[in-house]
N, C-alpha and C. Protein backbone atom coordinates (compact mmCIF):
# COMPACT_ATOMS: atom_id res chain seq x y z
N MET A 1 -49.85 15.32 -64.18
CA MET A 1 -49.42 13.89 -63.85
C MET A 1 -48.04 13.68 -63.80
N ALA A 2 -47.34 14.49 -64.66
CA ALA A 2 -45.81 14.29 -65.03
C ALA A 2 -44.89 14.45 -63.62
N THR A 3 -45.61 15.76 -62.99
CA THR A 3 -45.09 16.30 -61.52
C THR A 3 -45.13 15.03 -60.61
N THR A 4 -46.43 13.91 -60.59
CA THR A 4 -46.20 13.11 -59.81
C THR A 4 -45.41 11.72 -59.83
N VAL A 5 -45.15 11.49 -61.02
CA VAL A 5 -44.00 10.39 -61.83
C VAL A 5 -42.71 11.03 -61.04
N GLU A 6 -42.51 11.81 -61.37
CA GLU A 6 -40.97 12.68 -61.22
C GLU A 6 -40.77 12.73 -59.58
N GLN A 7 -41.93 12.74 -58.75
CA GLN A 7 -41.77 13.23 -57.35
C GLN A 7 -41.72 11.72 -56.72
N LEU A 8 -42.42 10.93 -57.61
CA LEU A 8 -42.09 9.41 -57.11
C LEU A 8 -40.76 8.94 -57.24
N LYS A 9 -40.18 8.98 -58.18
CA LYS A 9 -38.92 8.76 -58.81
C LYS A 9 -37.93 9.16 -57.72
N GLN A 10 -37.60 10.67 -57.35
CA GLN A 10 -37.29 11.45 -56.08
C GLN A 10 -37.35 10.69 -54.75
N ALA A 11 -38.72 10.39 -54.50
CA ALA A 11 -39.05 9.43 -53.25
C ALA A 11 -38.19 8.07 -53.05
N GLN A 12 -38.37 7.49 -54.35
CA GLN A 12 -37.66 6.08 -54.39
C GLN A 12 -36.14 6.24 -54.15
N ALA A 13 -35.66 7.29 -55.19
CA ALA A 13 -33.93 7.17 -55.07
C ALA A 13 -33.39 7.78 -53.30
N GLN A 14 -34.39 8.55 -52.81
CA GLN A 14 -33.95 9.19 -51.46
C GLN A 14 -34.29 7.83 -50.57
N ASN A 15 -35.37 7.08 -50.75
CA ASN A 15 -35.51 5.59 -50.20
C ASN A 15 -34.33 4.62 -50.47
N ARG A 16 -33.76 4.93 -51.59
CA ARG A 16 -32.41 3.86 -51.91
C ARG A 16 -31.54 4.37 -50.90
N GLU A 17 -31.11 5.47 -50.65
CA GLU A 17 -30.21 6.38 -50.40
C GLU A 17 -30.16 6.31 -49.06
N LEU A 18 -31.44 6.09 -48.15
CA LEU A 18 -31.80 5.97 -46.65
C LEU A 18 -31.38 4.75 -46.63
N LEU A 19 -31.92 3.89 -47.00
CA LEU A 19 -31.40 2.27 -47.18
C LEU A 19 -29.97 2.01 -47.15
N LYS A 20 -29.59 2.20 -48.15
CA LYS A 20 -27.95 2.41 -48.01
C LYS A 20 -27.10 3.16 -46.59
N GLU A 21 -27.60 4.27 -46.20
CA GLU A 21 -27.04 4.65 -45.09
C GLU A 21 -27.35 3.96 -43.67
N ILE A 22 -28.65 3.32 -43.64
CA ILE A 22 -29.18 2.58 -42.52
C ILE A 22 -28.50 1.25 -42.31
N LYS A 23 -27.91 0.86 -43.64
CA LYS A 23 -26.99 -0.52 -43.73
C LYS A 23 -25.80 -0.02 -43.49
N ALA A 24 -24.96 0.71 -43.79
CA ALA A 24 -23.67 0.98 -43.30
C ALA A 24 -23.80 1.66 -42.02
N LEU A 25 -24.82 2.43 -41.45
CA LEU A 25 -24.89 2.15 -39.93
C LEU A 25 -24.88 1.36 -39.38
N THR A 26 -25.85 0.41 -39.34
CA THR A 26 -25.92 -0.72 -38.82
C THR A 26 -24.44 -1.68 -39.05
N ALA A 27 -24.01 -1.70 -40.03
CA ALA A 27 -22.52 -2.29 -39.90
C ALA A 27 -21.65 -1.74 -38.85
N THR A 28 -21.58 -0.23 -39.12
CA THR A 28 -20.85 0.20 -37.95
C THR A 28 -21.12 0.03 -36.60
N VAL A 29 -22.22 0.29 -36.16
CA VAL A 29 -22.73 -0.54 -34.77
C VAL A 29 -22.62 -1.70 -34.49
N GLN A 30 -22.48 -2.97 -35.59
CA GLN A 30 -22.04 -4.18 -35.40
C GLN A 30 -20.43 -4.09 -35.06
N THR A 31 -19.84 -3.26 -35.88
CA THR A 31 -18.25 -3.53 -35.38
C THR A 31 -17.81 -3.11 -34.06
N LEU A 32 -18.60 -1.75 -33.71
CA LEU A 32 -18.52 -1.33 -32.45
C LEU A 32 -18.79 -2.12 -31.14
N THR A 33 -19.97 -3.01 -31.61
CA THR A 33 -20.46 -3.78 -30.15
C THR A 33 -19.45 -5.05 -30.15
N GLU A 34 -18.86 -5.35 -31.37
CA GLU A 34 -18.04 -6.57 -31.09
C GLU A 34 -16.46 -5.99 -30.75
N GLU A 35 -16.27 -4.61 -30.82
CA GLU A 35 -14.56 -4.13 -30.45
C GLU A 35 -15.27 -3.91 -29.28
N VAL A 36 -16.33 -3.56 -28.31
CA VAL A 36 -16.75 -3.23 -26.86
C VAL A 36 -16.53 -4.80 -26.09
N ALA A 37 -17.24 -5.63 -26.95
CA ALA A 37 -17.47 -7.27 -26.52
C ALA A 37 -15.90 -7.44 -26.01
N PHE A 38 -14.77 -7.46 -27.11
CA PHE A 38 -13.60 -7.80 -27.41
C PHE A 38 -13.17 -7.42 -25.75
N PHE A 39 -12.82 -5.81 -25.88
CA PHE A 39 -12.40 -5.05 -24.61
C PHE A 39 -12.65 -5.67 -23.19
N GLN A 40 -14.18 -5.85 -23.31
CA GLN A 40 -14.67 -6.48 -21.95
C GLN A 40 -13.99 -7.56 -21.28
N ARG A 41 -14.22 -8.33 -22.71
CA ARG A 41 -12.96 -9.67 -22.20
C ARG A 41 -11.68 -9.56 -22.13
N GLN A 42 -11.05 -8.48 -22.51
CA GLN A 42 -9.73 -8.52 -22.11
C GLN A 42 -9.40 -7.64 -21.03
N LEU A 43 -10.36 -7.14 -20.52
CA LEU A 43 -10.41 -6.16 -19.27
C LEU A 43 -10.50 -7.56 -18.25
N PHE A 44 -11.68 -7.85 -18.31
CA PHE A 44 -12.24 -8.58 -17.11
C PHE A 44 -11.96 -9.64 -17.26
N GLY A 45 -12.00 -10.76 -18.74
CA GLY A 45 -11.35 -11.82 -18.60
C GLY A 45 -13.12 -12.97 -18.66
N LYS A 46 -12.90 -13.95 -18.73
CA LYS A 46 -14.10 -14.91 -18.55
C LYS A 46 -14.23 -15.34 -17.08
N HIS A 47 -15.61 -15.49 -16.93
CA HIS A 47 -16.11 -15.80 -15.46
C HIS A 47 -15.83 -17.09 -15.17
N SER A 48 -15.01 -17.32 -14.06
CA SER A 48 -14.59 -18.37 -13.73
C SER A 48 -16.06 -19.35 -13.30
N GLU A 49 -17.18 -19.11 -13.26
CA GLU A 49 -18.23 -19.64 -12.38
C GLU A 49 -18.96 -20.29 -13.53
N LYS A 50 -18.96 -21.73 -13.33
CA LYS A 50 -19.72 -22.57 -14.26
C LYS A 50 -21.08 -22.72 -13.85
N ILE A 51 -21.91 -22.82 -15.05
CA ILE A 51 -23.30 -23.66 -14.79
C ILE A 51 -23.24 -24.71 -14.39
N THR A 52 -24.30 -25.29 -13.40
CA THR A 52 -24.10 -26.84 -12.79
C THR A 52 -25.19 -27.29 -13.53
N ASP A 53 -25.49 -28.44 -13.58
CA ASP A 53 -26.47 -29.55 -14.32
C ASP A 53 -27.79 -28.82 -12.87
N PRO A 54 -28.72 -28.71 -13.39
CA PRO A 54 -30.22 -28.46 -12.47
C PRO A 54 -30.74 -29.81 -12.11
N ASN A 55 -29.73 -30.68 -12.76
CA ASN A 55 -30.88 -32.08 -12.11
C ASN A 55 -29.76 -32.57 -11.12
N GLN A 56 -28.75 -31.97 -10.73
CA GLN A 56 -27.61 -32.60 -9.92
C GLN A 56 -28.16 -32.39 -8.32
N LEU A 57 -27.79 -33.25 -7.55
CA LEU A 57 -28.65 -33.60 -6.47
C LEU A 57 -27.74 -32.76 -5.60
N SER A 58 -28.65 -32.20 -4.45
CA SER A 58 -27.76 -30.84 -3.27
C SER A 58 -27.14 -32.08 -2.27
N LEU A 59 -26.22 -31.57 -1.79
CA LEU A 59 -25.21 -32.20 -0.98
C LEU A 59 -26.28 -32.09 0.66
N LEU A 60 -26.69 -30.61 0.67
CA LEU A 60 -27.16 -30.25 1.82
C LEU A 60 -29.08 -30.79 1.60
N ALA A 61 -29.64 -31.54 0.96
CA ALA A 61 -30.89 -31.57 0.71
C ALA A 61 -31.64 -32.36 1.68
N ASP A 62 -31.06 -33.62 2.22
CA ASP A 62 -31.91 -33.94 3.27
C ASP A 62 -31.45 -34.27 4.53
N ASP A 63 -31.96 -34.71 5.54
CA ASP A 63 -31.28 -34.93 6.63
C ASP A 63 -30.23 -35.75 6.91
N ASN A 64 -29.98 -37.03 5.90
CA ASN A 64 -28.84 -37.66 6.12
C ASN A 64 -27.53 -37.17 5.35
N GLY A 65 -27.35 -36.14 4.76
CA GLY A 65 -26.12 -35.49 3.93
C GLY A 65 -25.19 -35.52 4.70
N VAL A 66 -24.07 -35.54 3.62
CA VAL A 66 -22.63 -35.41 4.40
C VAL A 66 -22.50 -34.45 5.12
N PHE A 67 -22.65 -33.05 5.45
CA PHE A 67 -22.09 -32.25 6.18
C PHE A 67 -22.86 -31.83 7.26
N THR A 68 -24.16 -32.77 7.61
CA THR A 68 -24.76 -32.51 8.55
C THR A 68 -24.31 -33.65 10.13
N ASP A 69 -23.56 -34.56 9.81
CA ASP A 69 -23.16 -35.46 10.87
C ASP A 69 -21.83 -35.20 11.31
N PRO A 70 -21.77 -34.71 12.74
CA PRO A 70 -20.31 -34.77 12.96
C PRO A 70 -19.22 -35.37 13.04
N GLU A 71 -18.32 -35.22 12.70
CA GLU A 71 -16.76 -35.83 12.31
C GLU A 71 -16.64 -36.79 14.11
N GLN A 72 -16.95 -36.27 14.98
CA GLN A 72 -16.40 -36.52 16.14
C GLN A 72 -17.41 -36.71 17.22
N THR A 73 -17.52 -37.69 18.14
CA THR A 73 -18.46 -37.47 19.12
C THR A 73 -17.67 -36.97 20.58
N GLY A 74 -18.39 -36.41 21.37
CA GLY A 74 -17.91 -35.84 22.57
C GLY A 74 -17.49 -36.91 23.61
N ASN A 75 -17.04 -38.03 23.19
CA ASN A 75 -16.29 -39.16 24.01
C ASN A 75 -14.83 -38.76 23.70
N GLN A 76 -14.57 -38.44 22.50
CA GLN A 76 -13.22 -38.29 22.10
C GLN A 76 -12.32 -37.54 22.70
N SER A 77 -10.99 -37.32 22.66
CA SER A 77 -10.60 -36.46 23.21
C SER A 77 -9.95 -35.23 22.39
N GLU A 78 -9.91 -34.18 23.04
CA GLU A 78 -9.72 -32.96 22.13
C GLU A 78 -8.74 -32.03 22.73
N THR A 79 -7.48 -32.81 22.21
CA THR A 79 -6.27 -32.43 22.70
C THR A 79 -5.61 -31.33 21.30
N THR A 80 -5.53 -30.26 21.50
CA THR A 80 -4.53 -29.60 20.23
C THR A 80 -3.58 -29.18 20.64
N VAL A 81 -2.09 -29.35 19.81
CA VAL A 81 -1.23 -28.87 20.01
C VAL A 81 -0.67 -27.47 18.83
N THR A 82 -0.27 -26.53 19.75
CA THR A 82 0.25 -25.28 18.97
C THR A 82 1.25 -25.06 19.37
N THR A 83 1.94 -24.99 17.89
CA THR A 83 3.42 -24.72 17.85
C THR A 83 3.59 -23.31 17.59
N VAL A 84 4.55 -22.60 18.07
CA VAL A 84 4.84 -21.11 17.52
C VAL A 84 5.97 -20.79 17.18
N VAL A 85 6.30 -20.71 15.94
CA VAL A 85 7.77 -20.68 15.54
C VAL A 85 8.35 -18.79 15.60
N HIS A 86 9.33 -18.97 16.21
CA HIS A 86 9.57 -17.26 16.24
C HIS A 86 11.13 -17.49 15.28
N LYS A 87 10.30 -16.56 14.36
CA LYS A 87 11.66 -16.23 13.70
C LYS A 87 12.07 -14.72 13.72
N PRO A 88 13.61 -14.96 13.98
CA PRO A 88 14.16 -13.52 14.36
C PRO A 88 14.02 -12.84 13.44
N LYS A 89 13.91 -11.14 13.62
CA LYS A 89 14.05 -10.26 13.01
C LYS A 89 14.95 -10.04 11.88
N ARG A 90 15.33 -9.73 10.53
CA ARG A 90 16.41 -9.45 9.81
C ARG A 90 16.85 -8.15 10.21
N LYS A 91 17.86 -7.91 10.16
CA LYS A 91 18.57 -6.67 10.40
C LYS A 91 19.59 -6.48 9.31
N ARG A 92 19.89 -5.36 9.31
CA ARG A 92 20.67 -4.94 7.66
C ARG A 92 22.12 -5.51 8.37
N CYS A 93 22.62 -6.21 7.76
CA CYS A 93 24.16 -6.59 7.95
C CYS A 93 25.29 -6.42 7.14
N GLU A 94 25.48 -5.05 6.69
CA GLU A 94 26.59 -4.22 6.06
C GLU A 94 27.45 -4.11 6.88
N SER A 95 28.65 -4.59 6.38
CA SER A 95 29.70 -4.41 7.25
C SER A 95 30.61 -2.88 6.64
N VAL A 96 30.73 -2.33 7.75
CA VAL A 96 31.30 -0.94 7.13
C VAL A 96 32.89 -1.24 7.80
N ASP A 97 33.68 -0.96 7.27
CA ASP A 97 35.43 -0.95 7.74
C ASP A 97 35.44 -0.24 8.87
N PRO A 98 35.97 -0.62 9.84
CA PRO A 98 36.22 -0.15 11.02
C PRO A 98 37.39 1.02 11.18
N ASN A 99 38.10 0.86 10.06
CA ASN A 99 39.23 2.09 9.96
C ASN A 99 38.80 3.13 9.36
N LEU A 100 37.63 3.54 8.81
CA LEU A 100 37.07 4.54 7.98
C LEU A 100 37.03 5.62 9.28
N PRO A 101 37.84 6.30 8.83
CA PRO A 101 37.90 8.16 9.90
C PRO A 101 36.07 8.40 10.41
N ILE A 102 36.06 8.63 11.56
CA ILE A 102 34.97 8.95 12.03
C ILE A 102 34.63 10.52 12.59
N GLU A 103 33.78 10.98 11.92
CA GLU A 103 33.14 12.59 12.05
C GLU A 103 32.21 12.82 12.98
N THR A 104 32.06 13.15 14.27
CA THR A 104 31.08 13.37 15.00
C THR A 104 30.13 14.55 15.10
N THR A 105 28.80 14.15 14.72
CA THR A 105 28.13 15.36 14.47
C THR A 105 26.93 15.77 15.89
N VAL A 106 27.02 16.74 16.89
CA VAL A 106 25.94 17.01 17.98
C VAL A 106 25.07 17.75 17.43
N ILE A 107 23.81 17.37 17.38
CA ILE A 107 22.74 18.58 17.16
C ILE A 107 22.26 19.24 18.38
N ARG A 108 22.28 20.29 18.39
CA ARG A 108 21.92 21.32 19.79
C ARG A 108 20.44 21.88 19.64
N ARG A 109 19.72 21.99 20.65
CA ARG A 109 18.49 23.03 20.38
C ARG A 109 18.72 24.36 20.06
N GLU A 110 17.87 25.01 19.57
CA GLU A 110 17.99 26.43 19.22
C GLU A 110 17.54 27.02 20.26
N ASN A 111 16.45 26.68 20.75
CA ASN A 111 16.34 27.35 21.97
C ASN A 111 17.07 26.93 23.32
N LEU A 112 17.81 27.57 24.30
CA LEU A 112 17.99 27.02 25.51
C LEU A 112 17.35 27.49 26.60
N SER A 113 16.37 27.64 26.90
CA SER A 113 15.60 27.89 27.47
C SER A 113 14.02 26.75 27.80
N CYS A 114 13.90 26.43 28.95
CA CYS A 114 13.02 25.13 29.13
C CYS A 114 11.56 26.34 28.73
N ASP A 115 10.29 25.37 29.10
CA ASP A 115 8.66 25.89 28.99
C ASP A 115 8.42 26.99 29.55
N HIS A 116 9.10 27.49 31.00
CA HIS A 116 8.71 28.16 31.78
C HIS A 116 10.17 29.30 31.76
N GLY A 117 11.10 29.24 30.96
CA GLY A 117 11.68 30.37 30.74
C GLY A 117 13.23 30.09 31.56
N HIS A 118 13.61 29.09 31.86
CA HIS A 118 14.57 28.91 32.72
C HIS A 118 15.91 28.38 32.00
N GLN A 119 17.18 28.57 32.41
CA GLN A 119 18.30 28.28 31.34
C GLN A 119 18.19 26.63 31.46
N LEU A 120 18.83 26.13 30.69
CA LEU A 120 18.82 24.86 30.13
C LEU A 120 20.31 24.22 30.59
N ILE A 121 20.87 23.49 31.16
CA ILE A 121 22.39 23.18 31.47
C ILE A 121 22.26 21.61 30.36
N PRO A 122 23.61 21.77 29.52
CA PRO A 122 23.96 20.41 28.97
C PRO A 122 24.32 19.38 30.06
N VAL A 123 23.83 17.91 29.69
CA VAL A 123 23.99 16.85 30.55
C VAL A 123 24.52 15.89 29.79
N GLY A 124 24.47 15.98 28.42
CA GLY A 124 25.09 14.49 27.94
C GLY A 124 24.51 14.75 26.51
N LYS A 125 24.73 13.24 25.84
CA LYS A 125 24.24 13.35 24.56
C LYS A 125 23.79 11.77 23.95
N HIS A 126 22.88 12.14 23.22
CA HIS A 126 22.43 10.81 22.74
C HIS A 126 22.74 10.41 21.45
N PHE A 127 22.85 9.08 21.31
CA PHE A 127 23.46 8.52 19.71
C PHE A 127 21.95 8.20 19.13
N VAL A 128 21.83 8.83 17.58
CA VAL A 128 20.69 8.69 17.07
C VAL A 128 20.97 7.73 15.65
N ARG A 129 22.26 7.93 15.02
CA ARG A 129 22.38 6.92 14.08
C ARG A 129 23.81 7.34 13.53
N GLU A 130 24.17 6.37 12.53
CA GLU A 130 25.27 6.34 11.86
C GLU A 130 25.44 6.11 10.55
N VAL A 131 25.99 7.41 9.65
CA VAL A 131 25.91 7.48 8.05
C VAL A 131 27.23 7.26 7.72
N VAL A 132 27.36 6.69 6.59
CA VAL A 132 28.61 6.52 5.96
C VAL A 132 28.41 7.97 4.71
N HIS A 133 29.63 8.29 4.42
CA HIS A 133 29.42 9.39 3.34
C HIS A 133 30.22 9.28 2.45
N GLN A 134 30.08 9.22 1.51
CA GLN A 134 31.15 9.33 0.06
C GLN A 134 31.25 10.49 -0.81
N ILE A 135 32.24 11.34 -0.43
CA ILE A 135 32.66 12.35 -1.72
C ILE A 135 34.03 11.85 -2.08
N PRO A 136 33.55 12.29 -3.43
CA PRO A 136 34.89 11.96 -4.48
C PRO A 136 36.24 11.89 -3.67
N GLY A 137 36.80 10.97 -3.69
CA GLY A 137 38.38 11.07 -2.83
C GLY A 137 38.25 10.98 -1.56
N ARG A 138 37.15 10.65 -0.76
CA ARG A 138 37.09 10.80 0.44
C ARG A 138 36.10 10.02 1.11
N LEU A 139 36.09 9.00 1.99
CA LEU A 139 34.95 7.85 2.48
C LEU A 139 35.04 8.40 4.03
N TYR A 140 33.66 8.40 4.69
CA TYR A 140 34.18 8.67 6.20
C TYR A 140 32.58 8.34 6.75
N ARG A 141 32.74 7.91 8.17
CA ARG A 141 31.33 7.58 9.01
C ARG A 141 31.18 9.07 9.78
N GLU A 142 30.01 9.18 9.69
CA GLU A 142 29.22 10.55 10.37
C GLU A 142 28.41 9.93 11.71
N GLN A 143 28.87 9.88 12.95
CA GLN A 143 27.98 9.49 14.28
C GLN A 143 27.15 11.05 14.63
N ILE A 144 25.98 10.97 14.37
CA ILE A 144 24.96 11.92 14.71
C ILE A 144 24.37 11.65 16.24
N PHE A 145 24.57 12.52 16.78
CA PHE A 145 24.19 12.59 18.45
C PHE A 145 23.08 13.69 18.75
N GLU A 146 22.27 13.79 19.50
CA GLU A 146 21.47 14.62 20.16
C GLU A 146 21.82 15.11 21.15
N GLN A 147 22.17 16.47 21.77
CA GLN A 147 22.39 17.09 22.72
C GLN A 147 21.32 17.24 23.98
N THR A 148 21.49 16.44 24.84
CA THR A 148 20.71 16.37 25.76
C THR A 148 20.50 17.43 27.07
N TYR A 149 19.69 18.10 27.20
CA TYR A 149 19.53 19.53 28.23
C TYR A 149 18.67 19.31 29.47
N LYS A 150 18.89 19.46 30.59
CA LYS A 150 17.98 19.70 31.67
C LYS A 150 17.83 20.88 32.32
N CYS A 151 16.64 21.09 32.83
CA CYS A 151 16.27 22.21 33.60
C CYS A 151 16.61 21.94 35.24
N ALA A 152 17.55 22.85 35.88
CA ALA A 152 17.77 22.74 37.04
C ALA A 152 16.52 23.10 37.97
N ALA A 153 16.56 24.41 37.63
CA ALA A 153 15.10 25.44 38.45
C ALA A 153 13.81 24.45 38.52
N CYS A 154 13.32 23.96 37.40
CA CYS A 154 12.24 23.50 37.35
C CYS A 154 12.38 22.00 38.40
N GLU A 155 13.58 21.57 38.15
CA GLU A 155 13.80 20.17 39.28
C GLU A 155 13.51 20.32 40.39
N THR A 156 14.00 21.69 40.81
CA THR A 156 14.17 21.97 42.23
C THR A 156 12.35 22.56 42.87
N ASN A 157 11.76 23.18 42.06
CA ASN A 157 10.79 23.33 41.97
C ASN A 157 9.69 22.09 42.13
N ASP A 158 9.72 21.15 41.39
CA ASP A 158 8.85 20.21 41.56
C ASP A 158 9.16 18.50 41.61
N GLY A 159 10.86 18.62 41.65
CA GLY A 159 11.43 17.31 42.23
C GLY A 159 11.43 16.40 41.24
N VAL A 160 10.90 16.55 40.14
CA VAL A 160 11.01 16.03 38.64
C VAL A 160 11.90 16.57 37.63
N SER A 161 12.64 15.57 36.91
CA SER A 161 13.80 15.76 36.08
C SER A 161 13.07 16.23 34.96
N HIS A 162 13.15 17.43 34.40
CA HIS A 162 12.86 17.89 32.97
C HIS A 162 13.95 17.69 31.83
N LEU A 163 13.97 16.67 31.32
CA LEU A 163 14.88 16.95 30.26
C LEU A 163 14.49 17.15 28.49
N TYR A 164 15.49 17.82 28.12
CA TYR A 164 14.96 18.06 26.49
C TYR A 164 16.39 17.71 25.69
N GLN A 165 15.85 17.47 24.32
CA GLN A 165 16.59 16.94 23.18
C GLN A 165 16.80 17.51 22.22
N GLY A 166 17.72 17.87 21.28
CA GLY A 166 17.81 18.32 19.83
C GLY A 166 16.85 17.73 19.48
N THR A 167 16.70 18.09 18.36
CA THR A 167 15.67 17.09 17.14
C THR A 167 17.10 17.09 15.47
N ALA A 168 17.23 15.84 15.63
CA ALA A 168 18.13 15.66 14.72
C ALA A 168 16.75 15.26 13.64
N PRO A 169 17.32 15.69 12.53
CA PRO A 169 16.65 15.15 11.07
C PRO A 169 16.56 14.06 10.72
N GLN A 170 15.07 13.33 10.18
CA GLN A 170 14.96 12.11 9.93
C GLN A 170 15.68 11.54 8.92
N ALA A 171 15.77 10.43 8.81
CA ALA A 171 16.91 9.75 8.09
C ALA A 171 16.10 9.36 6.63
N LEU A 172 16.65 9.07 5.87
CA LEU A 172 16.28 9.02 4.12
C LEU A 172 15.46 7.91 4.04
N ILE A 173 16.07 6.65 4.99
CA ILE A 173 15.81 5.46 4.79
C ILE A 173 15.90 4.90 6.25
N PRO A 174 14.45 4.63 6.79
CA PRO A 174 14.35 4.20 8.46
C PRO A 174 15.25 2.85 8.49
N ILE A 175 15.81 2.90 9.58
CA ILE A 175 16.48 1.68 9.87
C ILE A 175 15.21 0.77 10.75
N VAL A 176 15.52 -0.19 10.59
CA VAL A 176 14.61 -0.75 11.13
C VAL A 176 15.17 -2.08 12.13
């Protein structure tokens, strides 16, 4: 009988400890739920949809509603005026001193033969862009050209001019 009383006291002590632990865990769950709700409000914000009064009448409920009747009849004139405004494209308008020294760079092809193996002949050059370079103590403009070539043999064979150009590197900032 003494052992059952001791066992009962031990069971009651364990129950008290378990109840304390349950209360602590419940409080932790409640604070975490509040934090999640707070962060969801911060992330998504409040919804802008408002619950309307269910007793409010619908505008489209009956046949004599506001939006079912046309605003114009067929007897009225239907003239429409369309105005198109063209805005000029914005161009870069930086001014470069025309007295700066100019250096010319011509980009040539590496392979001086056409697709059929014929020798290419230089016929001119094509302007690509102008770049301003600033080296300490020196400021100059570089004009970049691509050399243009033609294949005379292919032109005599089929009567069509075959032109080839060198490939200049792309500009860092494309000019629009």
